[in-house]
Structure formats: structure tokens, C-alpha cells
Amino acid sequence: MNTDSIRQLRNILFRSLVCTAVLTWLMQVVTFAFWDTWTGLTTQLFHISNDGLATTMLNFFLCVKFYAIFILLAPALALHWTICAKK
């Protein structure tokens, strides 16, 4: 791979990380703002308790964090350091 293709891949990963961070923050704000509404709806529709919903939401945000750090950020940093080392 040449430097331009490595730089392109790094930029795609960094921009995906930024988009993931913004969307995750937005989802957290909406979740906390409408928590009472969500618990009422899920209790009626899916027969899940408040504790079950909290555990599900915690697992979801942990998976998003794992994705952002290990799938997007780590390879992007490795590619960035590779580009810097080639200069």
C-alpha cells in the first residue's frame, strides 16, 4: 500500500469515529431525557422490567464504546503512526 491509500483509510476511520461519537452522545441524551417514556413503553410492549431495560441500555452503550475504541480508533492510530514513521 502506498502512503496515499494508507492516509485515505486513516481519514475514513477517524471520520467514522467522530460520527460514532456524535451519534452515541445524541442517543445517550435522548435516552436519558425520555427514560420515563421508554420504560413505560417497553414495560407494556415487551414486558421488560426497568432493571432489564437499564441492563440492555448499558450493554448497548458498552458495545458502541468497544466498537469505537477497538474497531475505529486503534487501527486509525496505528495507520497514523505508520504514516508519521514513513516521513
C-alpha atoms as a PDB file:
ATOM      1  CA  MET A   1       0.000   0.000   0.000  1.00  0.00           C
ATOM      2  CA  ASN A   2       1.244   3.439  -0.787  1.00  0.00           C
ATOM      3  CA  THR A   3       1.086   6.391   1.584  1.00  0.00           C
ATOM      4  CA  ASP A   4      -1.958   7.937  -0.088  1.00  0.00           C
ATOM      5  CA  SER A   5      -4.107   4.829   0.348  1.00  0.00           C
ATOM      6  CA  ILE A   6      -2.992   4.481   3.986  1.00  0.00           C
ATOM      7  CA  ARG A   7      -3.812   8.155   4.580  1.00  0.00           C
ATOM      8  CA  GLN A   8      -7.239   7.681   2.933  1.00  0.00           C
ATOM      9  CA  LEU A   9      -8.058   4.669   5.124  1.00  0.00           C
ATOM     10  CA  ARG A  10      -6.904   6.536   8.245  1.00  0.00           C
ATOM     11  CA  ASN A  11      -9.108   9.516   7.393  1.00  0.00           C
ATOM     12  CA  ILE A  12     -12.112   7.255   6.846  1.00  0.00           C
ATOM     13  CA  LEU A  13     -11.573   5.583  10.234  1.00  0.00           C
ATOM     14  CA  PHE A  14     -11.138   8.913  12.046  1.00  0.00           C
ATOM     15  CA  ARG A  15     -14.254  10.386  10.445  1.00  0.00           C
ATOM     16  CA  SER A  16     -16.225   7.242  11.278  1.00  0.00           C
ATOM     17  CA  LEU A  17     -15.045   7.596  14.874  1.00  0.00           C
ATOM     18  CA  VAL A  18     -16.254  11.198  15.025  1.00  0.00           C
ATOM     19  CA  CYS A  19     -19.641  10.243  13.557  1.00  0.00           C
ATOM     20  CA  THR A  20     -19.918   7.367  16.046  1.00  0.00           C
ATOM     21  CA  ALA A  21     -19.085   9.662  18.963  1.00  0.00           C
ATOM     22  CA  VAL A  22     -21.640  12.287  17.918  1.00  0.00           C
ATOM     23  CA  LEU A  23     -24.404   9.747  17.334  1.00  0.00           C
ATOM     24  CA  THR A  24     -23.643   7.950  20.606  1.00  0.00           C
ATOM     25  CA  TRP A  25     -23.783  11.217  22.520  1.00  0.00           C
ATOM     26  CA  LEU A  26     -27.093  12.066  20.850  1.00  0.00           C
ATOM     27  CA  MET A  27     -28.524   8.623  21.674  1.00  0.00           C
ATOM     28  CA  GLN A  28     -27.464   8.990  25.315  1.00  0.00           C
ATOM     29  CA  VAL A  29     -29.068  12.426  25.627  1.00  0.00           C
ATOM     30  CA  VAL A  30     -32.320  11.190  24.080  1.00  0.00           C
ATOM     31  CA  THR A  31     -32.295   8.051  26.234  1.00  0.00           C
ATOM     32  CA  PHE A  32     -31.814   9.951  29.483  1.00  0.00           C
ATOM     33  CA  ALA A  33     -34.259  12.704  28.507  1.00  0.00           C
ATOM     34  CA  PHE A  34     -37.060  10.260  27.723  1.00  0.00           C
ATOM     35  CA  TRP A  35     -36.217   7.483  30.197  1.00  0.00           C
ATOM     36  CA  ASP A  36     -39.662   7.508  31.827  1.00  0.00           C
ATOM     37  CA  THR A  37     -41.370   7.302  28.446  1.00  0.00           C
ATOM     38  CA  TRP A  38     -39.141   4.430  27.280  1.00  0.00           C
ATOM     39  CA  THR A  39     -39.680   2.414  30.451  1.00  0.00           C
ATOM     40  CA  GLY A  40     -43.440   2.791  30.168  1.00  0.00           C
ATOM     41  CA  LEU A  41     -43.458   1.711  26.524  1.00  0.00           C
ATOM     42  CA  THR A  42     -41.113  -1.244  26.963  1.00  0.00           C
ATOM     43  CA  THR A  43     -42.960  -2.465  30.025  1.00  0.00           C
ATOM     44  CA  GLN A  44     -46.198  -2.559  28.056  1.00  0.00           C
ATOM     45  CA  LEU A  45     -44.917  -3.743  24.678  1.00  0.00           C
ATOM     46  CA  PHE A  46     -42.068  -6.109  25.507  1.00  0.00           C
ATOM     47  CA  HIS A  47     -42.832  -6.994  29.146  1.00  0.00           C
ATOM     48  CA  ILE A  48     -39.357  -5.989  30.284  1.00  0.00           C
ATOM     49  CA  SER A  49     -38.700  -4.504  33.712  1.00  0.00           C
ATOM     50  CA  ASN A  50     -36.926  -1.237  34.433  1.00  0.00           C
ATOM     51  CA  ASP A  51     -33.842  -3.165  35.572  1.00  0.00           C
ATOM     52  CA  GLY A  52     -33.854  -5.229  32.383  1.00  0.00           C
ATOM     53  CA  LEU A  53     -34.087  -2.097  30.264  1.00  0.00           C
ATOM     54  CA  ALA A  54     -31.226  -0.468  32.172  1.00  0.00           C
ATOM     55  CA  THR A  55     -29.061  -3.554  31.674  1.00  0.00           C
ATOM     56  CA  THR A  56     -29.900  -3.660  27.973  1.00  0.00           C
ATOM     57  CA  MET A  57     -29.060   0.023  27.504  1.00  0.00           C
ATOM     58  CA  LEU A  58     -25.815  -0.369  29.461  1.00  0.00           C
ATOM     59  CA  ASN A  59     -24.797  -3.321  27.287  1.00  0.00           C
ATOM     60  CA  PHE A  60     -25.654  -1.372  24.136  1.00  0.00           C
ATOM     61  CA  PHE A  61     -23.527   1.627  25.077  1.00  0.00           C
ATOM     62  CA  LEU A  62     -20.667  -0.633  26.164  1.00  0.00           C
ATOM     63  CA  CYS A  63     -20.754  -2.365  22.775  1.00  0.00           C
ATOM     64  CA  VAL A  64     -20.711   1.008  20.998  1.00  0.00           C
ATOM     65  CA  LYS A  65     -17.745   2.077  23.128  1.00  0.00           C
ATOM     66  CA  PHE A  66     -15.911  -1.159  22.307  1.00  0.00           C
ATOM     67  CA  TYR A  67     -16.602  -0.619  18.601  1.00  0.00           C
ATOM     68  CA  ALA A  68     -15.415   2.990  18.695  1.00  0.00           C
ATOM     69  CA  ILE A  69     -12.186   2.251  20.548  1.00  0.00           C
ATOM     70  CA  PHE A  70     -11.039  -1.093  19.198  1.00  0.00           C
ATOM     71  CA  ILE A  71     -12.531  -1.165  15.689  1.00  0.00           C
ATOM     72  CA  LEU A  72     -12.157   2.501  14.699  1.00  0.00           C
ATOM     73  CA  LEU A  73      -9.671   4.324  16.942  1.00  0.00           C
ATOM     74  CA  ALA A  74      -6.934   1.715  17.381  1.00  0.00           C
ATOM     75  CA  PRO A  75      -6.447   0.992  13.647  1.00  0.00           C
ATOM     76  CA  ALA A  76      -6.677   4.714  12.841  1.00  0.00           C
ATOM     77  CA  LEU A  77      -3.919   5.498  15.343  1.00  0.00           C
ATOM     78  CA  ALA A  78      -1.793   2.638  14.042  1.00  0.00           C
ATOM     79  CA  LEU A  79      -2.160   3.939  10.493  1.00  0.00           C
ATOM     80  CA  HIS A  80      -1.400   7.475  11.668  1.00  0.00           C
ATOM     81  CA  TRP A  81       1.818   6.310  13.337  1.00  0.00           C
ATOM     82  CA  THR A  82       2.714   4.342  10.192  1.00  0.00           C
ATOM     83  CA  ILE A  83       2.318   7.487   8.083  1.00  0.00           C
ATOM     84  CA  CYS A  84       4.411   9.525  10.543  1.00  0.00           C
ATOM     85  CA  ALA A  85       7.139   6.880  10.541  1.00  0.00           C
ATOM     86  CA  LYS A  86       7.375   6.932   6.718  1.00  0.00           C
ATOM     87  CA  LYS A  87       8.058  10.684   6.620  1.00  0.00           C
END
